[in-house]
């Protein structure tokens, strides 16, 4: 783990250098001395932001596609959030390393993101900030949605689903930007499967009323792709 130090008064060791620097704080690799496992420790700049994210993470329950939240405490006025460690990269870094993905792999990743959104939406929580940097992929290709600083209980299904479908386009076209083109011509995309094209057309339709309304509806169509790709 490199140079580490004990967090005073708490059963964690923490790496001195952060793994990632975000807008709201820094992410460190740590070790839980009780659970005997590697953890991620997010040190926030704002107490209110930290409390809010902790509250969201504790309220969404258990999901294979959402990180587990273990602990929250404040030391020297610095809020610390201890959570599940993900041994991998953000999809943005993954795309930079691997280049564009084929249609099948991109839509498989999207399917798992939507499964995570299903679990989140069931609890009445909407992420509101789905993009490549806020989805992690590990060495086993397991997907985890992260960063709940903008999540809310105000209904936001359509935005979450639009961003999830658009993510598949970014994976296929190797687009690591934060741009979303409202009137993108799906016909111009390198899609071979007719059902995949239909799903993407509906998912990013210029009219919000014609897009997917629920994660369950989108997931049902995405899961049909397994059969479609095998034919």
Foldseek 3Di string as FASTA:
>chain_A
DPDWDQDPPAQKIWDPDFPDADPFFTKTWMARNVVGGIKIKTKGPDPVLLVVQLVLQVQLDDDQAAKHWDDWDADPNIIITIIHDAAFAQQLVVCVVPPADDLVLLLVLLLLLLSVVQSSVVSLKDQLDDDRRQWTQHPVRRIYGDDRSPMDSPDDFLVRQLRSLVRSQCRRNVPSDPDDDLPDDLVPGPDDFPLNSVLSCQSSPSDSVSHDDHSVVSSVSSVVVVVRVVD
